[in-house]
Amino acid sequence: MQKLDSSPSTGTTRRAFLKTTARLGVALGTLDLARSAHAAGGDRIRVGLIGCGQRGTAAAINALDADPGVHLVAMGDLFADRLADSLAKIQQHNPERAQVDRDHQYTGFDGYRGVIESSDVVLIACASRFHPAYLRAGIEAGRHVFVEKPHGIDPVGIRATQEACELARARGLSVVSGLHNRYDLGVRETVQRIHDGAIGEVVSMEVNFLRGPYVLVPRQPGWSEMEYQCRNWYHFSWLSGDDVIQSLVHSVDKATWVMQEEPPLKAHGLGGRSASFGPVFGDMFDNHSVVYEYARGTRMYAFCRTQQECYGSVSDYIFGTKGMASLRAYTIKGEVNWQYQGPPPAPYLREQQEFFAGLRAGKPLNNGDYMANSTMVAVLGQIVCYSGRQIGWKKAIAADFAFPPAGPVDFSIEPPVKPLPDGQYPLAVPGKTKLIAGT
């Protein structure tokens, strides 16, 4: 197994950061459409979408807004009704450049193949279990790929993502991550100031992703168990990985960025279900608390919750020897007081702008190092919550754990988790559930 890169990045000075951002702003504003780095040549970039839920629909709209040469030409989803709904929303936003004919609307578990074949650029935003495999398929076909987070739901998936990103780098192809905070101008400058010493040495971090339950899809008459779980995929761990990997990964990614990509030495955590009961919640926990410990003694305290009528917050607080920073508010307080005053951050749009600007300039982006590393930090957090054990980073990244089933997934197989007689789904039991051998 090839070890994930854990060496600290050297970073850049704030002055260099601001110059780079300024140059990028000019490039995005004056993009020469005569230059292109895509397969079809010319100004037109053929984009295909795999996964037509909320995030996929929004990503396609962002791509159309990011570059006037982008044309949505292919779409794929497990379900025809979801694809049709997504296409209608995208066409309402941009009817001229979202023309996907019937022959390029692909459904079922093999639909992603048709999308990849029909496109120059692929946007992947389907059930997270499939992200690593579809990323690899896109790269092997010579396509540039944007792939939503998370970039794997278990150690095996993370290693597959890392290998795909290394292949993309060797072939000069772009891989852009849906960890959108890396493209948030306010977060970028706040993190750079932390790296420049504005709050001194980082002592601790508190990150929160607290909200109500994400999209719930009730079971409908006529659905098989597999169809139900695939339609309600977010709430089944074998498809989503659970909420540390799905939601808290954003905050974990920002904290890992602050730590200059240094992974933790180890982690322990608490988790379970205390308020969200019923079959629609699948086999997910509704609360998690993870403590990550770093070599220098720094600790990250990470919390996520999906419960109704509870305190909600998406926040990231970084505490140092000279002050503290709020990544969400773009502020620093202490020996230095600062508030971001730059252009609107617009991270979802900017990640697509920088993606396509890189293609036009012949300078492909590759987010592979941090997208694999940060997602693995989240995976470690989910594993310690499920198992109730303290687990080290090295043991986790080398583990052979992967959510079942091991073989191909389609509607002919039975899902790996089944409802109990009362309709509820079995949950992981901390102290009894074992995901990694020897823990």
Protein backbone atom coordinates (compact mmCIF):
# COMPACT_ATOMS: atom_id res chain seq x y z
CA MET A 1 0.00 0.00 0.00
CA GLN A 2 1.29 3.44 -0.87
CA LYS A 3 1.20 5.72 2.12
CA LEU A 4 -0.85 8.89 1.93
CA ASP A 5 1.40 11.93 1.83
CA SER A 6 1.63 13.28 5.37
CA SER A 7 4.47 15.77 4.94
CA PRO A 8 3.69 19.41 5.78
CA SER A 9 3.29 21.72 2.81
CA THR A 10 5.65 24.66 2.63
CA GLY A 11 2.84 27.11 1.96
CA THR A 12 3.27 30.56 0.44
CA THR A 13 3.51 34.01 1.88
CA ARG A 14 0.39 36.11 2.16
CA ARG A 15 1.80 38.48 -0.45
CA ALA A 16 2.27 35.60 -2.89
CA PHE A 17 -1.22 34.34 -2.08
CA LEU A 18 -2.79 37.70 -2.87
CA LYS A 19 -0.83 38.02 -6.11
CA THR A 20 -1.90 34.54 -7.18
CA THR A 21 -5.54 35.29 -6.37
CA ALA A 22 -5.39 38.56 -8.29
CA ARG A 23 -3.90 36.85 -11.34
CA LEU A 24 -6.58 34.17 -11.16
CA GLY A 25 -9.31 36.80 -11.00
CA VAL A 26 -7.95 38.37 -14.19
CA ALA A 27 -7.69 34.98 -15.88
CA LEU A 28 -11.26 34.12 -15.04
CA GLY A 29 -12.49 37.49 -16.24
CA THR A 30 -10.63 37.47 -19.58
CA LEU A 31 -10.60 33.78 -20.47
CA ASP A 32 -9.49 33.27 -24.07
CA LEU A 33 -12.01 30.83 -25.46
CA ALA A 34 -9.77 30.13 -28.45
CA ARG A 35 -7.51 28.15 -26.13
CA SER A 36 -8.76 24.79 -24.98
CA ALA A 37 -7.36 21.66 -23.39
CA HIS A 38 -10.33 19.36 -23.93
CA ALA A 39 -10.80 16.42 -26.21
CA ALA A 40 -13.26 17.93 -28.68
CA GLY A 41 -11.20 21.04 -29.46
CA GLY A 42 -12.62 24.49 -30.17
CA ASP A 43 -14.58 26.51 -27.65
CA ARG A 44 -17.22 23.90 -26.82
CA ILE A 45 -16.65 21.69 -23.78
CA ARG A 46 -18.95 18.69 -23.54
CA VAL A 47 -19.89 18.02 -19.92
CA GLY A 48 -21.59 14.94 -18.52
CA LEU A 49 -23.24 14.59 -15.12
CA ILE A 50 -23.27 11.35 -13.10
CA GLY A 51 -25.72 11.59 -10.21
CA CYS A 52 -28.78 13.83 -10.58
CA GLY A 53 -29.69 14.66 -7.00
CA GLN A 54 -29.51 18.08 -5.41
CA ARG A 55 -25.72 18.37 -5.39
CA GLY A 56 -25.29 17.03 -8.91
CA THR A 57 -27.93 19.39 -10.28
CA ALA A 58 -26.29 22.36 -8.56
CA ALA A 59 -22.81 21.35 -9.79
CA ALA A 60 -24.05 21.21 -13.38
CA ILE A 61 -25.59 24.66 -13.05
CA ASN A 62 -22.34 25.99 -11.56
CA ALA A 63 -20.39 24.50 -14.48
CA LEU A 64 -22.66 26.18 -17.02
CA ASP A 65 -22.24 29.50 -15.21
CA ALA A 66 -18.47 29.08 -14.94
CA ASP A 67 -17.61 28.97 -18.64
CA PRO A 68 -19.68 30.09 -21.65
CA GLY A 69 -18.29 27.20 -23.69
CA VAL A 70 -19.68 24.53 -21.38
CA HIS A 71 -22.53 22.44 -22.79
CA LEU A 72 -24.28 19.76 -20.77
CA VAL A 73 -24.61 16.87 -23.22
CA ALA A 74 -25.08 13.71 -21.11
CA MET A 75 -26.61 12.73 -17.78
CA GLY A 76 -26.74 9.54 -15.79
CA ASP A 77 -28.65 8.41 -12.72
CA LEU A 78 -29.97 5.14 -11.35
CA PHE A 79 -33.52 6.42 -11.78
CA ALA A 80 -35.15 8.00 -14.83
CA ASP A 81 -37.53 10.18 -12.83
CA ARG A 82 -34.69 11.76 -10.86
CA LEU A 83 -32.75 12.41 -14.06
CA ALA A 84 -35.77 14.05 -15.69
CA ASP A 85 -36.38 16.28 -12.68
CA SER A 86 -32.73 17.35 -12.63
CA LEU A 87 -32.66 18.12 -16.35
CA ALA A 88 -35.79 20.24 -16.04
CA LYS A 89 -34.20 22.33 -13.29
CA ILE A 90 -30.95 22.77 -15.22
CA GLN A 91 -32.78 23.73 -18.42
CA GLN A 92 -34.87 26.24 -16.52
CA HIS A 93 -31.61 27.90 -15.52
CA ASN A 94 -29.85 27.60 -18.89
CA PRO A 95 -32.01 26.20 -21.71
CA GLU A 96 -29.53 26.98 -24.52
CA ARG A 97 -26.56 24.96 -23.21
CA ALA A 98 -28.35 22.14 -21.39
CA GLN A 99 -29.58 20.08 -24.31
CA VAL A 100 -29.44 16.40 -23.37
CA ASP A 101 -31.28 14.26 -25.91
CA ARG A 102 -32.90 10.92 -25.07
CA ASP A 103 -29.96 8.96 -26.43
CA HIS A 104 -27.67 10.60 -23.87
CA GLN A 105 -29.86 10.09 -20.81
CA TYR A 106 -28.45 7.01 -19.12
CA THR A 107 -30.04 5.10 -16.25
CA GLY A 108 -29.14 2.10 -14.12
CA PHE A 109 -25.88 1.03 -12.54
CA ASP A 110 -23.99 1.05 -15.86
CA GLY A 111 -25.27 4.47 -16.93
CA TYR A 112 -22.05 6.18 -15.84
CA ARG A 113 -20.22 4.46 -18.70
CA GLY A 114 -22.37 6.18 -21.31
CA VAL A 115 -21.89 9.56 -19.66
CA ILE A 116 -18.11 9.17 -19.64
CA GLU A 117 -18.04 8.05 -23.26
CA SER A 118 -20.14 11.04 -24.38
CA SER A 119 -18.21 13.79 -22.55
CA ASP A 120 -14.94 15.69 -22.34
CA VAL A 121 -15.49 16.59 -18.68
CA VAL A 122 -17.36 14.50 -16.13
CA LEU A 123 -19.08 15.76 -12.97
CA ILE A 124 -19.57 13.00 -10.38
CA ALA A 125 -22.11 13.55 -7.59
CA CYS A 126 -23.81 10.19 -7.09
CA ALA A 127 -24.00 7.91 -4.03
CA SER A 128 -20.60 8.27 -2.41
CA ARG A 129 -19.74 4.57 -2.46
CA PHE A 130 -19.21 4.81 -6.20
CA HIS A 131 -17.04 7.95 -6.30
CA PRO A 132 -13.64 6.19 -6.40
CA ALA A 133 -14.64 3.70 -9.12
CA TYR A 134 -16.30 6.30 -11.34
CA LEU A 135 -13.35 8.66 -10.88
CA ARG A 136 -11.00 5.90 -12.02
CA ALA A 137 -13.21 5.09 -15.01
CA GLY A 138 -13.24 8.73 -16.07
CA ILE A 139 -9.46 9.09 -15.81
CA GLU A 140 -8.83 5.83 -17.68
CA ALA A 141 -11.07 7.15 -20.48
CA GLY A 142 -8.99 10.35 -20.67
CA ARG A 143 -11.61 12.65 -19.16
CA HIS A 144 -11.16 15.58 -16.80
CA VAL A 145 -13.17 14.96 -13.64
CA PHE A 146 -14.88 16.94 -10.92
CA VAL A 147 -15.88 14.61 -8.09
CA GLU A 148 -17.95 15.48 -5.07
CA LYS A 149 -16.90 14.66 -1.54
CA PRO A 150 -16.41 12.29 0.14
CA HIS A 151 -13.65 10.65 -1.88
CA GLY A 152 -14.16 7.22 -0.40
CA ILE A 153 -16.14 5.86 2.53
CA ASP A 154 -13.54 3.41 3.82
CA PRO A 155 -9.74 2.89 3.65
CA VAL A 156 -9.99 0.72 0.53
CA GLY A 157 -11.95 3.44 -1.28
CA ILE A 158 -9.49 6.14 -0.22
CA ARG A 159 -6.57 4.20 -1.65
CA ALA A 160 -8.50 3.72 -4.90
CA THR A 161 -9.05 7.49 -5.12
CA GLN A 162 -5.39 8.19 -4.47
CA GLU A 163 -4.35 5.79 -7.23
CA ALA A 164 -6.82 7.38 -9.67
CA CYS A 165 -5.49 10.86 -8.88
CA GLU A 166 -1.91 9.71 -9.42
CA LEU A 167 -2.95 8.30 -12.80
CA ALA A 168 -4.60 11.62 -13.68
CA ARG A 169 -1.42 13.48 -12.78
CA ALA A 170 0.62 11.18 -15.00
CA ARG A 171 -1.79 11.72 -17.90
CA GLY A 172 -2.13 15.49 -17.48
CA LEU A 173 -5.82 15.34 -16.55
CA SER A 174 -7.66 17.51 -14.05
CA VAL A 175 -9.21 16.15 -10.87
CA VAL A 176 -11.10 18.77 -8.88
CA SER A 177 -12.61 18.00 -5.49
CA GLY A 178 -16.00 18.94 -4.14
CA LEU A 179 -14.38 19.95 -0.84
CA HIS A 180 -15.43 23.43 -1.85
CA ASN A 181 -13.96 25.34 1.08
CA ARG A 182 -10.55 25.11 -0.60
CA TYR A 183 -12.04 27.43 -3.25
CA ASP A 184 -13.61 29.85 -0.76
CA LEU A 185 -11.64 33.11 -1.01
CA GLY A 186 -12.42 34.06 2.59
CA VAL A 187 -11.27 30.71 3.96
CA ARG A 188 -8.20 30.79 1.72
CA GLU A 189 -6.98 34.09 3.10
CA THR A 190 -7.85 33.21 6.70
CA VAL A 191 -5.90 29.95 6.49
CA GLN A 192 -2.99 31.71 4.81
CA ARG A 193 -2.83 34.25 7.64
CA ILE A 194 -2.83 31.39 10.16
CA HIS A 195 0.07 29.81 8.26
CA ASP A 196 1.84 33.19 8.32
CA GLY A 197 1.63 33.19 12.14
CA ALA A 198 -1.29 35.53 12.81
CA ILE A 199 -2.54 33.41 15.76
CA GLY A 200 0.80 31.90 16.71
CA GLU A 201 1.16 28.16 17.10
CA VAL A 202 -2.09 26.23 16.72
CA VAL A 203 -3.06 24.68 20.06
CA SER A 204 -6.55 23.30 19.44
CA MET A 205 -9.44 23.33 16.99
CA GLU A 206 -13.20 23.01 17.48
CA VAL A 207 -15.19 22.15 14.37
CA ASN A 208 -18.97 21.67 14.17
CA PHE A 209 -21.48 20.46 11.60
CA LEU A 210 -24.76 20.47 13.53
CA ARG A 211 -28.09 20.47 11.67
CA GLY A 212 -31.33 18.62 11.13
CA PRO A 213 -31.51 15.36 9.14
CA TYR A 214 -30.44 15.61 5.52
CA VAL A 215 -32.82 14.70 2.66
CA LEU A 216 -35.10 11.86 3.77
CA VAL A 217 -36.78 9.70 1.12
CA PRO A 218 -39.75 7.70 2.47
CA ARG A 219 -40.36 4.23 1.08
CA GLN A 220 -42.97 4.04 -1.70
CA PRO A 221 -45.19 1.08 -2.69
CA GLY A 222 -43.60 -1.17 -5.28
CA TRP A 223 -40.01 -0.36 -4.42
CA SER A 224 -37.70 -3.26 -3.72
CA GLU A 225 -35.44 -3.05 -0.68
CA MET A 226 -32.48 -2.26 -2.92
CA GLU A 227 -34.33 0.50 -4.75
CA TYR A 228 -35.45 2.03 -1.47
CA GLN A 229 -31.93 2.09 -0.07
CA CYS A 230 -30.49 3.50 -3.29
CA ARG A 231 -33.10 6.26 -3.39
CA ASN A 232 -32.52 7.03 0.30
CA TRP A 233 -28.78 6.37 -0.04
CA TYR A 234 -27.54 9.09 2.28
CA HIS A 235 -29.00 7.22 5.27
CA PHE A 236 -27.31 3.86 4.64
CA SER A 237 -23.69 3.56 5.67
CA TRP A 238 -22.73 1.11 2.91
CA LEU A 239 -23.68 3.80 0.37
CA SER A 240 -22.72 6.98 2.24
CA GLY A 241 -20.30 6.08 5.02
CA ASP A 242 -22.41 7.97 7.63
CA ASP A 243 -22.30 11.60 8.67
CA VAL A 244 -18.69 12.17 9.73
CA ILE A 245 -17.67 11.19 6.21
CA GLN A 246 -20.60 12.99 4.55
CA SER A 247 -20.84 16.30 6.42
CA LEU A 248 -18.16 16.75 9.03
CA VAL A 249 -15.58 16.03 6.32
CA HIS A 250 -15.92 19.67 5.24
CA SER A 251 -14.85 20.94 8.65
CA VAL A 252 -12.22 18.22 9.01
CA ASP A 253 -10.81 19.27 5.63
CA LYS A 254 -10.47 22.88 6.73
CA ALA A 255 -8.75 21.83 9.95
CA THR A 256 -6.40 19.54 8.01
CA TRP A 257 -5.59 22.47 5.75
CA VAL A 258 -4.78 24.59 8.80
CA MET A 259 -2.44 21.80 9.95
CA GLN A 260 -0.70 22.00 6.54
CA GLU A 261 -2.01 18.53 5.61
CA GLU A 262 -0.44 16.84 8.64
CA PRO A 263 -2.62 13.85 9.60
CA PRO A 264 -3.45 13.06 13.23
CA LEU A 265 -1.54 10.42 15.14
CA LYS A 266 -4.73 8.82 16.41
CA ALA A 267 -8.37 9.44 17.26
CA HIS A 268 -11.15 8.31 19.56
CA GLY A 269 -14.82 9.17 19.48
CA LEU A 270 -18.38 8.77 20.69
CA GLY A 271 -21.47 8.23 18.60
CA GLY A 272 -24.89 6.67 18.35
CA ARG A 273 -28.55 7.40 17.77
CA SER A 274 -30.57 9.21 20.41
CA ALA A 275 -33.35 11.14 18.65
CA SER A 276 -33.86 10.12 15.01
CA PHE A 277 -35.87 6.89 14.98
CA GLY A 278 -37.72 5.19 12.13
CA PRO A 279 -36.83 3.20 8.99
CA VAL A 280 -36.29 6.36 6.96
CA PHE A 281 -33.15 7.07 9.01
CA GLY A 282 -31.58 3.81 7.84
CA ASP A 283 -28.57 2.65 9.83
CA MET A 284 -26.96 6.06 10.42
CA PHE A 285 -25.90 7.52 13.75
CA ASP A 286 -27.47 10.89 14.54
CA ASN A 287 -24.58 12.22 16.64
CA HIS A 288 -20.79 11.91 16.58
CA SER A 289 -17.96 13.41 18.63
CA VAL A 290 -14.35 12.81 17.58
CA VAL A 291 -11.08 13.85 19.22
CA TYR A 292 -8.04 13.86 16.95
CA GLU A 293 -4.56 14.06 18.47
CA TYR A 294 -1.55 15.40 16.54
CA ALA A 295 2.17 14.80 17.00
CA ARG A 296 2.83 18.32 18.29
CA GLY A 297 0.11 17.95 20.95
CA THR A 298 -2.57 19.87 19.07
CA ARG A 299 -6.07 18.44 19.32
CA MET A 300 -9.09 18.78 17.09
CA TYR A 301 -12.52 18.40 18.70
CA ALA A 302 -14.98 17.55 15.95
CA PHE A 303 -18.77 17.29 16.32
CA CYS A 304 -21.66 16.52 14.00
CA ARG A 305 -25.35 15.96 14.63
CA THR A 306 -28.47 15.39 12.53
CA GLN A 307 -31.36 15.99 14.93
CA GLN A 308 -34.45 18.18 14.82
CA GLU A 309 -35.08 21.07 17.24
CA CYS A 310 -31.50 21.15 18.49
CA TYR A 311 -28.80 23.80 18.41
CA GLY A 312 -27.39 24.11 14.91
CA SER A 313 -24.01 25.41 13.84
CA VAL A 314 -21.52 25.00 11.03
CA SER A 315 -18.38 26.54 12.50
CA ASP A 316 -14.62 26.12 12.68
CA TYR A 317 -12.63 27.75 15.48
CA ILE A 318 -8.83 27.63 15.48
CA PHE A 319 -7.10 28.52 18.77
CA GLY A 320 -3.46 29.60 18.84
CA THR A 321 -0.91 30.99 21.27
CA LYS A 322 -1.55 34.55 20.02
CA GLY A 323 -5.26 34.51 19.20
CA MET A 324 -8.07 32.63 17.53
CA ALA A 325 -9.57 32.43 14.06
CA SER A 326 -13.06 31.65 12.82
CA LEU A 327 -12.81 30.07 9.37
CA ARG A 328 -16.54 30.35 8.80
CA ALA A 329 -16.65 34.05 9.73
CA TYR A 330 -13.28 34.86 8.09
CA THR A 331 -12.03 36.60 11.24
CA ILE A 332 -8.94 36.64 13.44
CA LYS A 333 -8.91 38.03 16.99
CA GLY A 334 -6.03 38.42 19.43
CA GLU A 335 -2.70 40.15 18.97
CA VAL A 336 -3.90 40.73 15.40
CA ASN A 337 -7.52 41.62 14.64
CA TRP A 338 -8.66 41.08 11.06
CA GLN A 339 -11.81 40.59 8.99
CA TYR A 340 -11.89 39.43 5.39
CA GLN A 341 -12.95 42.27 3.06
CA GLY A 342 -12.32 40.73 -0.35
CA PRO A 343 -14.60 39.65 -3.21
CA PRO A 344 -17.60 37.40 -2.50
CA PRO A 345 -16.21 33.91 -1.78
CA ALA A 346 -18.72 31.95 -3.97
CA PRO A 347 -16.87 28.63 -3.49
CA TYR A 348 -19.24 26.37 -5.44
CA LEU A 349 -19.01 28.57 -8.51
CA ARG A 350 -15.31 29.29 -8.11
CA GLU A 351 -14.33 25.62 -7.96
CA GLN A 352 -15.91 25.23 -11.40
CA GLN A 353 -14.39 28.48 -12.69
CA GLU A 354 -10.90 27.42 -11.69
CA PHE A 355 -11.52 23.93 -13.04
CA PHE A 356 -12.42 25.15 -16.52
CA ALA A 357 -9.90 28.01 -16.50
CA GLY A 358 -7.20 25.42 -15.90
CA LEU A 359 -8.42 23.37 -18.87
CA ARG A 360 -8.48 26.43 -21.12
CA ALA A 361 -4.95 27.38 -20.09
CA GLY A 362 -3.61 23.86 -20.48
CA LYS A 363 -2.79 23.79 -16.76
CA PRO A 364 -4.89 20.99 -15.29
CA LEU A 365 -5.65 21.08 -11.56
CA ASN A 366 -5.13 18.03 -9.39
CA ASN A 367 -6.57 18.13 -5.86
CA GLY A 368 -5.69 14.50 -5.28
CA ASP A 369 -3.34 14.84 -2.32
CA TYR A 370 -5.62 16.79 -0.03
CA MET A 371 -8.89 15.21 -1.13
CA ALA A 372 -7.66 11.72 -0.24
CA ASN A 373 -5.91 12.86 2.93
CA SER A 374 -8.81 14.89 4.37
CA THR A 375 -11.38 12.24 3.54
CA MET A 376 -9.23 9.62 5.27
CA VAL A 377 -9.17 11.79 8.41
CA ALA A 378 -12.99 11.72 8.32
CA VAL A 379 -13.02 7.96 7.70
CA LEU A 380 -10.83 7.48 10.77
CA GLY A 381 -13.33 9.53 12.79
CA GLN A 382 -16.27 7.42 11.63
CA ILE A 383 -14.44 4.17 12.38
CA VAL A 384 -13.60 5.18 15.96
CA CYS A 385 -17.20 6.22 16.59
CA TYR A 386 -18.57 2.93 15.25
CA SER A 387 -16.03 0.78 17.10
CA GLY A 388 -15.67 2.76 20.33
CA ARG A 389 -11.93 2.25 20.14
CA GLN A 390 -8.93 4.54 19.86
CA ILE A 391 -7.23 3.85 16.53
CA GLY A 392 -3.97 5.16 15.09
CA TRP A 393 -3.64 6.81 11.70
CA LYS A 394 -1.13 4.31 10.31
CA LYS A 395 -3.29 1.34 11.26
CA ALA A 396 -6.38 2.94 9.74
CA ILE A 397 -4.88 3.87 6.36
CA ALA A 398 -3.38 0.40 5.96
CA ALA A 399 -6.59 -1.42 6.89
CA ASP A 400 -8.44 -3.70 4.48
CA PHE A 401 -11.84 -2.56 5.75
CA ALA A 402 -14.43 -1.81 3.07
CA PHE A 403 -18.19 -1.59 3.44
CA PRO A 404 -19.87 -4.65 1.85
CA PRO A 405 -20.82 -5.93 -0.64
CA ALA A 406 -17.42 -6.78 -2.11
CA GLY A 407 -18.55 -7.37 -5.71
CA PRO A 408 -20.54 -5.39 -8.28
CA VAL A 409 -23.74 -3.71 -7.13
CA ASP A 410 -26.96 -3.83 -9.12
CA PHE A 411 -30.69 -4.29 -8.56
CA SER A 412 -30.42 -8.07 -8.73
CA ILE A 413 -28.57 -8.42 -5.43
CA GLU A 414 -29.78 -8.04 -1.87
CA PRO A 415 -28.46 -5.01 0.03
CA PRO A 416 -25.97 -5.83 2.80
CA VAL A 417 -28.23 -4.41 5.52
CA LYS A 418 -31.83 -5.54 6.05
CA PRO A 419 -34.61 -4.17 8.26
CA LEU A 420 -35.37 -5.88 11.53
CA PRO A 421 -38.91 -7.20 12.25
CA ASP A 422 -39.93 -3.79 13.62
CA GLY A 423 -38.76 -2.06 10.44
CA GLN A 424 -35.71 -0.46 12.05
CA TYR A 425 -32.25 -1.15 10.68
CA PRO A 426 -29.43 -2.54 12.85
CA LEU A 427 -26.81 -0.02 13.96
CA ALA A 428 -23.12 -0.30 14.74
CA VAL A 429 -22.60 -0.96 18.47
CA PRO A 430 -19.56 0.80 19.97
CA GLY A 431 -17.48 -1.68 21.94
CA LYS A 432 -18.76 -4.61 19.88
CA THR A 433 -18.53 -3.55 16.24
CA LYS A 434 -15.12 -4.34 14.78
CA LEU A 435 -14.14 -2.82 11.45
CA ILE A 436 -10.34 -3.09 11.60
CA ALA A 437 -8.58 -6.29 12.61
CA GLY A 438 -6.59 -6.10 15.82
CA THR A 439 -8.54 -3.22 17.36
